[in-house]
Amino acid sequence: MTSEIEDLIVEYRQKGILVDTNILFLYFVGAVNRERISKFKRTNQFIPEDYDLLLGILKNFQRMVTTSNILTEVNSLSNQLGEPQCSQCFALFSQAILPFEEYYIESRNTASNEAFIRFGLTDCGIINLAREQYLVLNDDLKLASYLQRQRIDTVNFNNLRVYGWS
């Protein structure tokens, strides 16, 4: 497992990594308050060390990409934090999104994807954007399995956690 992941990182180091919603939200919550990760309902499946693992992964890539839909979902999740973390998260968000290349995919194009009924707008945007371009980092087993069947390279963050990859 480790060599396969390392190979993907090398292959996509310059091409880039597309970070899905939950993992990107982990990044923002962890940057604001690592201890809040395990206590907040939208990130309580993670621990502070997962934030460290995520930082270690992201530093390997020259490009980080996202979609408007992913950022909108992260924004909505941030609104659930409560104060003062919500304001802190938005302050961080405004600066931390700067290194991300944001892509807008028209919803009508995304909705025409055969997987739309199964996955919805944000995930189909990931499918459309990532194909032969970016490594996808997510924590959604259903989506990760689909991406792999479609020959879209993906790494499920939960696998990295289980195997203690670093």
Protein backbone atom coordinates (compact mmCIF):
# COMPACT_ATOMS: atom_id res chain seq x y z
CA MET A 1 0.00 0.00 0.00
CA THR A 2 2.73 2.47 0.91
CA SER A 3 4.67 2.13 -2.34
CA GLU A 4 1.48 2.54 -4.37
CA ILE A 5 0.67 5.79 -2.56
CA GLU A 6 4.24 7.01 -2.90
CA ASP A 7 4.09 6.27 -6.64
CA LEU A 8 0.89 8.30 -6.96
CA ILE A 9 2.42 11.22 -5.08
CA VAL A 10 5.44 11.20 -7.37
CA GLU A 11 3.24 10.95 -10.46
CA TYR A 12 0.99 13.84 -9.38
CA ARG A 13 3.52 16.02 -7.57
CA GLN A 14 3.51 18.57 -10.38
CA LYS A 15 0.07 17.83 -11.85
CA GLY A 16 -1.68 18.42 -8.54
CA ILE A 17 -4.04 17.07 -5.92
CA LEU A 18 -7.77 17.71 -5.70
CA VAL A 19 -8.89 17.74 -2.05
CA ASP A 20 -12.49 16.77 -1.36
CA THR A 21 -14.79 18.64 1.03
CA ASN A 22 -14.37 16.74 4.31
CA ILE A 23 -10.61 16.66 4.04
CA LEU A 24 -10.38 20.33 3.13
CA PHE A 25 -12.65 21.14 6.06
CA LEU A 26 -10.37 19.11 8.35
CA TYR A 27 -7.54 21.31 7.13
CA PHE A 28 -9.36 24.52 8.08
CA VAL A 29 -10.65 23.31 11.46
CA GLY A 30 -7.21 21.98 12.35
CA ALA A 31 -5.53 25.22 11.36
CA VAL A 32 -7.89 27.18 13.63
CA ASN A 33 -7.87 24.81 16.60
CA ARG A 34 -6.40 21.29 16.44
CA GLU A 35 -8.19 20.29 19.64
CA ARG A 36 -11.56 21.17 18.12
CA ILE A 37 -11.17 18.49 15.43
CA SER A 38 -12.38 15.61 17.59
CA LYS A 39 -15.04 17.70 19.35
CA PHE A 40 -16.86 19.19 16.36
CA LYS A 41 -19.64 17.02 14.91
CA ARG A 42 -18.49 17.51 11.30
CA THR A 43 -14.88 16.46 12.03
CA ASN A 44 -15.23 14.19 15.05
CA GLN A 45 -14.26 11.14 12.99
CA PHE A 46 -10.75 12.63 12.87
CA ILE A 47 -8.10 13.26 15.52
CA PRO A 48 -5.52 16.07 15.69
CA GLU A 49 -2.84 13.75 14.31
CA ASP A 50 -4.95 13.38 11.15
CA TYR A 51 -4.48 17.09 10.59
CA ASP A 52 -0.71 16.59 10.85
CA LEU A 53 -0.94 13.71 8.39
CA LEU A 54 -2.89 15.91 5.98
CA LEU A 55 -0.30 18.69 6.17
CA GLY A 56 2.40 16.12 5.45
CA ILE A 57 0.55 14.93 2.37
CA LEU A 58 -0.23 18.35 0.96
CA LYS A 59 3.36 19.58 1.22
CA ASN A 60 4.29 17.01 -1.45
CA PHE A 61 2.30 18.76 -4.18
CA GLN A 62 3.20 21.80 -6.20
CA ARG A 63 -0.45 22.34 -7.12
CA MET A 64 -3.59 22.01 -5.04
CA VAL A 65 -6.90 22.30 -6.84
CA THR A 66 -10.50 22.60 -5.81
CA THR A 67 -13.89 23.40 -7.26
CA SER A 68 -16.34 26.15 -6.47
CA ASN A 69 -18.74 23.50 -5.19
CA ILE A 70 -16.19 22.09 -2.72
CA LEU A 71 -15.42 25.57 -1.41
CA THR A 72 -19.12 26.31 -1.02
CA GLU A 73 -19.59 23.13 1.02
CA VAL A 74 -16.59 23.99 3.20
CA ASN A 75 -18.04 27.46 3.72
CA SER A 76 -21.38 25.97 4.80
CA LEU A 77 -19.69 23.58 7.22
CA SER A 78 -17.66 26.46 8.66
CA ASN A 79 -20.89 28.29 9.49
CA GLN A 80 -21.73 25.44 11.88
CA LEU A 81 -18.62 25.96 14.02
CA GLY A 82 -20.00 28.64 16.31
CA GLU A 83 -18.04 31.61 17.55
CA PRO A 84 -15.23 32.41 17.85
CA GLN A 85 -14.08 29.47 15.69
CA CYS A 86 -16.41 30.38 12.81
CA SER A 87 -14.90 33.84 12.42
CA GLN A 88 -11.41 32.44 12.89
CA CYS A 89 -12.09 29.81 10.26
CA PHE A 90 -13.35 32.41 7.77
CA ALA A 91 -10.31 34.60 8.43
CA LEU A 92 -8.08 31.61 7.76
CA PHE A 93 -10.25 30.47 4.85
CA SER A 94 -9.77 33.79 3.06
CA GLN A 95 -6.00 33.34 3.15
CA ALA A 96 -5.68 29.57 2.94
CA ILE A 97 -7.61 29.28 -0.31
CA LEU A 98 -5.07 31.48 -2.10
CA PRO A 99 -2.70 28.61 -3.03
CA PHE A 100 -5.60 26.54 -4.37
CA GLU A 101 -6.43 26.72 -8.05
CA GLU A 102 -10.21 26.94 -8.19
CA TYR A 103 -12.17 25.52 -11.08
CA TYR A 104 -15.75 26.29 -11.90
CA ILE A 105 -17.61 23.53 -13.68
CA GLU A 106 -21.00 24.44 -15.04
CA SER A 107 -23.72 22.60 -13.17
CA ARG A 108 -25.46 21.57 -16.39
CA ASN A 109 -22.26 19.84 -17.53
CA THR A 110 -21.87 18.14 -14.18
CA ALA A 111 -25.51 17.06 -14.14
CA SER A 112 -25.04 15.35 -17.49
CA ASN A 113 -22.53 12.94 -15.94
CA GLU A 114 -24.01 9.43 -15.78
CA ALA A 115 -23.09 9.24 -12.08
CA PHE A 116 -24.97 12.43 -11.14
CA ILE A 117 -28.01 10.66 -9.68
CA ARG A 118 -25.74 8.57 -7.47
CA PHE A 119 -23.25 11.23 -6.37
CA GLY A 120 -24.69 14.70 -6.90
CA LEU A 121 -23.19 17.98 -7.95
CA THR A 122 -19.98 18.28 -5.93
CA ASP A 123 -18.77 14.71 -6.42
CA CYS A 124 -19.56 14.71 -10.14
CA GLY A 125 -17.60 17.92 -10.44
CA ILE A 126 -14.67 16.07 -8.89
CA ILE A 127 -15.16 13.22 -11.36
CA ASN A 128 -15.23 15.60 -14.33
CA LEU A 129 -12.24 17.66 -13.22
CA ALA A 130 -9.93 14.92 -11.95
CA ARG A 131 -10.05 12.60 -14.95
CA GLU A 132 -6.44 12.20 -16.16
CA GLN A 133 -5.42 15.45 -14.47
CA TYR A 134 -5.33 15.28 -10.68
CA LEU A 135 -4.98 12.87 -7.81
CA VAL A 136 -8.12 12.93 -5.66
CA LEU A 137 -7.83 12.89 -1.86
CA ASN A 138 -11.10 12.07 -0.12
CA ASP A 139 -12.63 10.08 2.72
CA ASP A 140 -15.69 8.76 0.90
CA LEU A 141 -15.39 5.02 0.22
CA LYS A 142 -18.29 5.00 -2.25
CA LEU A 143 -16.80 7.81 -4.32
CA ALA A 144 -13.24 6.49 -4.04
CA SER A 145 -14.36 3.07 -5.29
CA TYR A 146 -16.20 4.64 -8.20
CA LEU A 147 -13.22 6.80 -9.11
CA GLN A 148 -10.94 3.79 -9.13
CA ARG A 149 -13.35 1.87 -11.37
CA GLN A 150 -13.28 4.85 -13.72
CA ARG A 151 -9.45 4.77 -13.67
CA ILE A 152 -9.26 8.08 -11.86
CA ASP A 153 -6.41 7.98 -9.38
CA THR A 154 -7.58 8.52 -5.83
CA VAL A 155 -6.36 8.04 -2.30
CA ASN A 156 -8.85 7.49 0.47
CA PHE A 157 -7.60 9.43 3.49
CA ASN A 158 -9.00 6.78 5.82
CA ASN A 159 -6.63 4.24 4.31
CA LEU A 160 -3.71 6.51 5.08
CA ARG A 161 -4.91 6.79 8.67
CA VAL A 162 -5.32 3.03 9.10
CA TYR A 163 -1.94 2.16 7.65
CA GLY A 164 -0.19 4.89 9.55
CA TRP A 165 1.26 6.29 6.34
CA SER A 166 3.50 9.30 6.64
